[in-house]
Amino acid sequence: MGDIHLAAGDLTEAETAYRASHAAGWDPQPGLALLQLEQGQAEAAFSALERSLVGNGWPTLQRRGMVLATLAKVAARTNRLERAKEVIAELESQPQRWPMASIRALSAEAKAELFIREDRPTEAVRELQTACSRWSEVGSPVNVADARLALAALLIQLGDRSGAELELGTALALAKKVDSSRLTRRCEELKGLVVGTQKIAMGGA
């Protein structure tokens, strides 16, 4: 339920569900950390994921790959680049242990975050494209939309308005399909940036 509410953008309900999960004895990670990221609490998300990895209960071990991949993404976003590289290396050194497309998608997103901070935008674009493909394999429209929005934001920064508009069009269609106000809102924000860069390119016309 926490994941469903988070996908829809119902952050209060998502937090309530994750807390109930924890109270029932289940590790709510990585969902709770993703919620904290959405709330602008990246440092709290990083600490929570690191704590989660210390546990040895079945819920933690069963989801270790997902927690590691999410940790790599959050570590990169909080400029802990060496930690991000360390976690990515761990995941990639044992592909047979974590063959799931979802973990590979998260790893690709983590690498994209890392490359962005290392000023390697072309490689970041490639990783986000990989993430889109992997999430499509899983059949997760919410995650596909999130990855496409991240790709669109990067393409806007690179001045590729046409590419950004293409990604936004697909992301918006997915947002409407799953009825997510969060995704729809983000699409509209990025569309505004595309329009803004277009006006600048045309001399403010």
C-alpha atoms as a PDB file:
ATOM      1  CA  MET A   1       0.000   0.000   0.000  1.00  0.00           C
ATOM      2  CA  GLY A   2       2.876   2.355   0.743  1.00  0.00           C
ATOM      3  CA  ASP A   3       4.297   1.795  -2.732  1.00  0.00           C
ATOM      4  CA  ILE A   4       0.890   2.358  -4.323  1.00  0.00           C
ATOM      5  CA  HIS A   5       0.279   5.612  -2.439  1.00  0.00           C
ATOM      6  CA  LEU A   6       3.808   6.824  -3.229  1.00  0.00           C
ATOM      7  CA  ALA A   7       3.333   6.136  -6.927  1.00  0.00           C
ATOM      8  CA  ALA A   8       0.106   8.128  -6.898  1.00  0.00           C
ATOM      9  CA  GLY A   9       1.676  11.014  -5.006  1.00  0.00           C
ATOM     10  CA  ASP A  10      -0.298  10.499  -1.792  1.00  0.00           C
ATOM     11  CA  LEU A  11       2.716  11.042   0.448  1.00  0.00           C
ATOM     12  CA  THR A  12       0.886  11.210   3.786  1.00  0.00           C
ATOM     13  CA  GLU A  13      -0.909   7.937   3.128  1.00  0.00           C
ATOM     14  CA  ALA A  14       2.331   6.358   1.923  1.00  0.00           C
ATOM     15  CA  GLU A  15       4.129   7.321   5.123  1.00  0.00           C
ATOM     16  CA  THR A  16       1.280   5.923   7.229  1.00  0.00           C
ATOM     17  CA  ALA A  17       1.459   2.621   5.349  1.00  0.00           C
ATOM     18  CA  TYR A  18       5.238   2.338   5.630  1.00  0.00           C
ATOM     19  CA  ARG A  19       5.098   3.036   9.362  1.00  0.00           C
ATOM     20  CA  ALA A  20       2.405   0.391   9.762  1.00  0.00           C
ATOM     21  CA  SER A  21       4.626  -2.022   7.849  1.00  0.00           C
ATOM     22  CA  HIS A  22       7.503  -1.327  10.215  1.00  0.00           C
ATOM     23  CA  ALA A  23       5.254  -1.745  13.252  1.00  0.00           C
ATOM     24  CA  ALA A  24       4.182  -5.128  11.909  1.00  0.00           C
ATOM     25  CA  GLY A  25       7.794  -6.284  11.795  1.00  0.00           C
ATOM     26  CA  TRP A  26       8.526  -5.776   8.106  1.00  0.00           C
ATOM     27  CA  ASP A  27      11.405  -3.676   6.785  1.00  0.00           C
ATOM     28  CA  PRO A  28       9.694  -0.911   4.766  1.00  0.00           C
ATOM     29  CA  GLN A  29      12.819  -0.258   2.692  1.00  0.00           C
ATOM     30  CA  PRO A  30      13.486   0.756   0.021  1.00  0.00           C
ATOM     31  CA  GLY A  31      10.000   2.246  -0.290  1.00  0.00           C
ATOM     32  CA  LEU A  32      10.330   4.461   2.773  1.00  0.00           C
ATOM     33  CA  ALA A  33      13.645   5.847   1.524  1.00  0.00           C
ATOM     34  CA  LEU A  34      12.087   6.655  -1.848  1.00  0.00           C
ATOM     35  CA  LEU A  35       9.322   8.496   0.000  1.00  0.00           C
ATOM     36  CA  GLN A  36      11.929  10.477   1.927  1.00  0.00           C
ATOM     37  CA  LEU A  37      13.642  11.365  -1.355  1.00  0.00           C
ATOM     38  CA  GLU A  38      10.322  12.638  -2.693  1.00  0.00           C
ATOM     39  CA  GLN A  39       9.961  14.730   0.477  1.00  0.00           C
ATOM     40  CA  GLY A  40      13.413  16.251  -0.029  1.00  0.00           C
ATOM     41  CA  GLN A  41      14.981  14.247   2.813  1.00  0.00           C
ATOM     42  CA  ALA A  42      17.867  12.667   0.904  1.00  0.00           C
ATOM     43  CA  GLU A  43      20.164  12.467   3.932  1.00  0.00           C
ATOM     44  CA  ALA A  44      17.510  10.660   5.971  1.00  0.00           C
ATOM     45  CA  ALA A  45      16.941   8.272   3.054  1.00  0.00           C
ATOM     46  CA  PHE A  46      20.650   7.453   2.873  1.00  0.00           C
ATOM     47  CA  SER A  47      20.900   6.768   6.608  1.00  0.00           C
ATOM     48  CA  ALA A  48      17.763   4.618   6.578  1.00  0.00           C
ATOM     49  CA  LEU A  49      19.056   2.450   3.746  1.00  0.00           C
ATOM     50  CA  GLU A  50      22.434   1.968   5.411  1.00  0.00           C
ATOM     51  CA  ARG A  51      20.649   0.900   8.604  1.00  0.00           C
ATOM     52  CA  SER A  52      18.494  -1.512   6.658  1.00  0.00           C
ATOM     53  CA  LEU A  53      21.544  -3.321   5.290  1.00  0.00           C
ATOM     54  CA  VAL A  54      22.752  -4.049   8.824  1.00  0.00           C
ATOM     55  CA  GLY A  55      19.754  -6.241   9.529  1.00  0.00           C
ATOM     56  CA  ASN A  56      19.786  -9.978   8.868  1.00  0.00           C
ATOM     57  CA  GLY A  57      16.085 -10.725   9.078  1.00  0.00           C
ATOM     58  CA  TRP A  58      14.319 -12.451   6.184  1.00  0.00           C
ATOM     59  CA  PRO A  59      12.625  -9.250   4.893  1.00  0.00           C
ATOM     60  CA  THR A  60      16.008  -7.504   4.705  1.00  0.00           C
ATOM     61  CA  LEU A  61      17.838 -10.395   3.060  1.00  0.00           C
ATOM     62  CA  GLN A  62      15.005 -11.008   0.622  1.00  0.00           C
ATOM     63  CA  ARG A  63      15.116  -7.412  -0.605  1.00  0.00           C
ATOM     64  CA  ARG A  64      18.850  -6.774  -0.238  1.00  0.00           C
ATOM     65  CA  GLY A  65      19.386  -6.276  -3.975  1.00  0.00           C
ATOM     66  CA  MET A  66      16.658  -3.642  -4.170  1.00  0.00           C
ATOM     67  CA  VAL A  67      17.976  -1.905  -1.058  1.00  0.00           C
ATOM     68  CA  LEU A  68      21.536  -1.879  -2.426  1.00  0.00           C
ATOM     69  CA  ALA A  69      20.454  -0.506  -5.804  1.00  0.00           C
ATOM     70  CA  THR A  70      18.380   2.220  -4.152  1.00  0.00           C
ATOM     71  CA  LEU A  71      21.271   3.028  -1.810  1.00  0.00           C
ATOM     72  CA  ALA A  72      23.590   3.512  -4.776  1.00  0.00           C
ATOM     73  CA  LYS A  73      21.126   5.984  -6.287  1.00  0.00           C
ATOM     74  CA  VAL A  74      20.703   7.914  -3.039  1.00  0.00           C
ATOM     75  CA  ALA A  75      24.458   7.896  -2.348  1.00  0.00           C
ATOM     76  CA  ALA A  76      25.101   9.484  -5.734  1.00  0.00           C
ATOM     77  CA  ARG A  77      22.351  12.049  -5.202  1.00  0.00           C
ATOM     78  CA  THR A  78      23.888  13.068  -1.853  1.00  0.00           C
ATOM     79  CA  ASN A  79      27.361  13.330  -3.433  1.00  0.00           C
ATOM     80  CA  ARG A  80      28.706  10.211  -1.737  1.00  0.00           C
ATOM     81  CA  LEU A  81      30.226   9.177  -5.035  1.00  0.00           C
ATOM     82  CA  GLU A  82      32.682   6.637  -3.688  1.00  0.00           C
ATOM     83  CA  ARG A  83      29.945   4.870  -1.741  1.00  0.00           C
ATOM     84  CA  ALA A  84      27.777   4.836  -4.855  1.00  0.00           C
ATOM     85  CA  LYS A  85      30.601   3.287  -6.888  1.00  0.00           C
ATOM     86  CA  GLU A  86      31.235   0.703  -4.170  1.00  0.00           C
ATOM     87  CA  VAL A  87      27.610  -0.422  -4.096  1.00  0.00           C
ATOM     88  CA  ILE A  88      27.305  -0.496  -7.892  1.00  0.00           C
ATOM     89  CA  ALA A  89      30.476  -2.598  -8.073  1.00  0.00           C
ATOM     90  CA  GLU A  90      28.996  -5.048  -5.555  1.00  0.00           C
ATOM     91  CA  LEU A  91      25.836  -5.423  -7.602  1.00  0.00           C
ATOM     92  CA  GLU A  92      27.655  -5.817 -10.904  1.00  0.00           C
ATOM     93  CA  SER A  93      30.162  -8.311  -9.520  1.00  0.00           C
ATOM     94  CA  GLN A  94      27.385 -10.768  -8.707  1.00  0.00           C
ATOM     95  CA  PRO A  95      24.927 -10.556 -11.634  1.00  0.00           C
ATOM     96  CA  GLN A  96      23.800 -14.154 -11.092  1.00  0.00           C
ATOM     97  CA  ARG A  97      22.701 -13.268  -7.563  1.00  0.00           C
ATOM     98  CA  TRP A  98      20.551 -10.351  -8.659  1.00  0.00           C
ATOM     99  CA  PRO A  99      19.398 -11.035 -12.221  1.00  0.00           C
ATOM    100  CA  MET A 100      16.067  -9.235 -11.818  1.00  0.00           C
ATOM    101  CA  ALA A 101      15.337  -6.509 -14.338  1.00  0.00           C
ATOM    102  CA  SER A 102      14.094  -4.228 -11.543  1.00  0.00           C
ATOM    103  CA  ILE A 103      17.478  -4.285  -9.800  1.00  0.00           C
ATOM    104  CA  ARG A 104      19.277  -3.704 -13.086  1.00  0.00           C
ATOM    105  CA  ALA A 105      16.957  -0.773 -13.767  1.00  0.00           C
ATOM    106  CA  LEU A 106      17.695   0.772 -10.373  1.00  0.00           C
ATOM    107  CA  SER A 107      21.417   0.188 -10.895  1.00  0.00           C
ATOM    108  CA  ALA A 108      21.226   1.987 -14.237  1.00  0.00           C
ATOM    109  CA  GLU A 109      19.458   4.919 -12.559  1.00  0.00           C
ATOM    110  CA  ALA A 110      22.167   4.991  -9.887  1.00  0.00           C
ATOM    111  CA  LYS A 111      24.881   5.053 -12.540  1.00  0.00           C
ATOM    112  CA  ALA A 112      23.060   7.881 -14.300  1.00  0.00           C
ATOM    113  CA  GLU A 113      23.008   9.907 -11.056  1.00  0.00           C
ATOM    114  CA  LEU A 114      26.721   9.207 -10.649  1.00  0.00           C
ATOM    115  CA  PHE A 115      27.578  10.198 -14.223  1.00  0.00           C
ATOM    116  CA  ILE A 116      25.588  13.419 -13.945  1.00  0.00           C
ATOM    117  CA  ARG A 117      27.654  14.453 -10.921  1.00  0.00           C
ATOM    118  CA  GLU A 118      30.835  13.505 -12.720  1.00  0.00           C
ATOM    119  CA  ASP A 119      29.832  15.681 -15.690  1.00  0.00           C
ATOM    120  CA  ARG A 120      29.409  12.714 -18.021  1.00  0.00           C
ATOM    121  CA  PRO A 121      25.960  13.516 -19.452  1.00  0.00           C
ATOM    122  CA  THR A 122      26.153  11.311 -22.545  1.00  0.00           C
ATOM    123  CA  GLU A 123      26.797   8.243 -20.402  1.00  0.00           C
ATOM    124  CA  ALA A 124      24.013   9.324 -18.042  1.00  0.00           C
ATOM    125  CA  VAL A 125      21.584   9.474 -20.974  1.00  0.00           C
ATOM    126  CA  ARG A 126      22.582   5.958 -21.990  1.00  0.00           C
ATOM    127  CA  GLU A 127      21.988   4.605 -18.488  1.00  0.00           C
ATOM    128  CA  LEU A 128      18.568   6.244 -18.229  1.00  0.00           C
ATOM    129  CA  GLN A 129      17.613   4.738 -21.567  1.00  0.00           C
ATOM    130  CA  THR A 130      18.662   1.370 -20.183  1.00  0.00           C
ATOM    131  CA  ALA A 131      16.550   1.987 -17.078  1.00  0.00           C
ATOM    132  CA  CYS A 132      13.517   2.749 -19.250  1.00  0.00           C
ATOM    133  CA  SER A 133      13.976  -0.530 -21.115  1.00  0.00           C
ATOM    134  CA  ARG A 134      14.453  -2.551 -17.934  1.00  0.00           C
ATOM    135  CA  TRP A 135      11.384  -1.082 -16.262  1.00  0.00           C
ATOM    136  CA  SER A 136       9.381  -1.829 -19.405  1.00  0.00           C
ATOM    137  CA  GLU A 137      10.501  -5.469 -19.101  1.00  0.00           C
ATOM    138  CA  VAL A 138       9.166  -5.518 -15.557  1.00  0.00           C
ATOM    139  CA  GLY A 139       5.880  -4.011 -16.697  1.00  0.00           C
ATOM    140  CA  SER A 140       6.014  -1.107 -14.235  1.00  0.00           C
ATOM    141  CA  PRO A 141       4.510   1.998 -15.893  1.00  0.00           C
ATOM    142  CA  VAL A 142       5.167   4.182 -12.835  1.00  0.00           C
ATOM    143  CA  ASN A 143       8.878   3.419 -12.858  1.00  0.00           C
ATOM    144  CA  VAL A 144       9.059   3.753 -16.634  1.00  0.00           C
ATOM    145  CA  ALA A 145       7.495   7.200 -16.331  1.00  0.00           C
ATOM    146  CA  ASP A 146       9.907   8.211 -13.559  1.00  0.00           C
ATOM    147  CA  ALA A 147      12.901   7.120 -15.642  1.00  0.00           C
ATOM    148  CA  ARG A 148      11.604   8.936 -18.711  1.00  0.00           C
ATOM    149  CA  LEU A 149      11.063  12.091 -16.667  1.00  0.00           C
ATOM    150  CA  ALA A 150      14.639  11.918 -15.393  1.00  0.00           C
ATOM    151  CA  LEU A 151      15.804  11.451 -18.975  1.00  0.00           C
ATOM    152  CA  ALA A 152      13.674  14.365 -20.168  1.00  0.00           C
ATOM    153  CA  ALA A 153      15.124  16.634 -17.462  1.00  0.00           C
ATOM    154  CA  LEU A 154      18.653  15.715 -18.538  1.00  0.00           C
ATOM    155  CA  LEU A 155      17.874  16.259 -22.223  1.00  0.00           C
ATOM    156  CA  ILE A 156      16.488  19.702 -21.394  1.00  0.00           C
ATOM    157  CA  GLN A 157      19.787  20.566 -19.710  1.00  0.00           C
ATOM    158  CA  LEU A 158      21.631  19.355 -22.803  1.00  0.00           C
ATOM    159  CA  GLY A 159      19.470  21.527 -25.055  1.00  0.00           C
ATOM    160  CA  ASP A 160      17.758  18.577 -26.763  1.00  0.00           C
ATOM    161  CA  ARG A 161      14.202  19.938 -26.741  1.00  0.00           C
ATOM    162  CA  SER A 162      12.944  17.471 -29.343  1.00  0.00           C
ATOM    163  CA  GLY A 163      14.191  14.480 -27.379  1.00  0.00           C
ATOM    164  CA  ALA A 164      12.816  15.903 -24.137  1.00  0.00           C
ATOM    165  CA  GLU A 165       9.373  16.484 -25.663  1.00  0.00           C
ATOM    166  CA  LEU A 166       9.293  12.895 -26.921  1.00  0.00           C
ATOM    167  CA  GLU A 167      10.096  11.516 -23.462  1.00  0.00           C
ATOM    168  CA  LEU A 168       7.584  13.827 -21.809  1.00  0.00           C
ATOM    169  CA  GLY A 169       4.826  12.778 -24.181  1.00  0.00           C
ATOM    170  CA  THR A 170       5.298   9.131 -23.280  1.00  0.00           C
ATOM    171  CA  ALA A 171       5.653   9.888 -19.570  1.00  0.00           C
ATOM    172  CA  LEU A 172       2.459  11.931 -19.553  1.00  0.00           C
ATOM    173  CA  ALA A 173       0.538   9.137 -21.264  1.00  0.00           C
ATOM    174  CA  LEU A 174       1.761   6.723 -18.594  1.00  0.00           C
ATOM    175  CA  ALA A 175       0.897   9.184 -15.818  1.00  0.00           C
ATOM    176  CA  LYS A 176      -2.664   9.402 -17.088  1.00  0.00           C
ATOM    177  CA  LYS A 177      -2.859   5.628 -17.454  1.00  0.00           C
ATOM    178  CA  VAL A 178      -1.999   5.049 -13.793  1.00  0.00           C
ATOM    179  CA  ASP A 179      -3.815   8.210 -12.635  1.00  0.00           C
ATOM    180  CA  SER A 180      -0.788   9.596 -10.777  1.00  0.00           C
ATOM    181  CA  SER A 181      -1.027  13.253  -9.788  1.00  0.00           C
ATOM    182  CA  ARG A 182       2.655  13.191  -8.824  1.00  0.00           C
ATOM    183  CA  LEU A 183       3.786  12.103 -12.276  1.00  0.00           C
ATOM    184  CA  THR A 184       1.363  14.439 -14.040  1.00  0.00           C
ATOM    185  CA  ARG A 185       2.595  17.382 -11.984  1.00  0.00           C
ATOM    186  CA  ARG A 186       6.214  16.575 -12.780  1.00  0.00           C
ATOM    187  CA  CYS A 187       5.394  16.291 -16.492  1.00  0.00           C
ATOM    188  CA  GLU A 188       3.807  19.736 -16.460  1.00  0.00           C
ATOM    189  CA  GLU A 189       6.801  21.222 -14.625  1.00  0.00           C
ATOM    190  CA  LEU A 190       9.214  19.866 -17.213  1.00  0.00           C
ATOM    191  CA  LYS A 191       6.979  20.923 -20.111  1.00  0.00           C
ATOM    192  CA  GLY A 192       7.204  24.432 -18.704  1.00  0.00           C
ATOM    193  CA  LEU A 193      10.997  24.220 -18.801  1.00  0.00           C
ATOM    194  CA  VAL A 194      10.918  23.057 -22.422  1.00  0.00           C
ATOM    195  CA  VAL A 195       8.741  26.026 -23.360  1.00  0.00           C
ATOM    196  CA  GLY A 196      11.060  28.326 -21.447  1.00  0.00           C
ATOM    197  CA  THR A 197      14.193  27.100 -23.219  1.00  0.00           C
ATOM    198  CA  GLN A 198      12.405  27.350 -26.557  1.00  0.00           C
ATOM    199  CA  LYS A 199      11.538  30.996 -25.911  1.00  0.00           C
ATOM    200  CA  ILE A 200      15.144  31.726 -24.935  1.00  0.00           C
ATOM    201  CA  ALA A 201      16.375  30.045 -28.133  1.00  0.00           C
ATOM    202  CA  MET A 202      13.987  32.222 -30.134  1.00  0.00           C
ATOM    203  CA  GLY A 203      15.180  35.373 -28.445  1.00  0.00           C
ATOM    204  CA  GLY A 204      12.308  35.655 -25.984  1.00  0.00           C
ATOM    205  CA  ALA A 205       9.634  35.786 -28.656  1.00  0.00           C
END
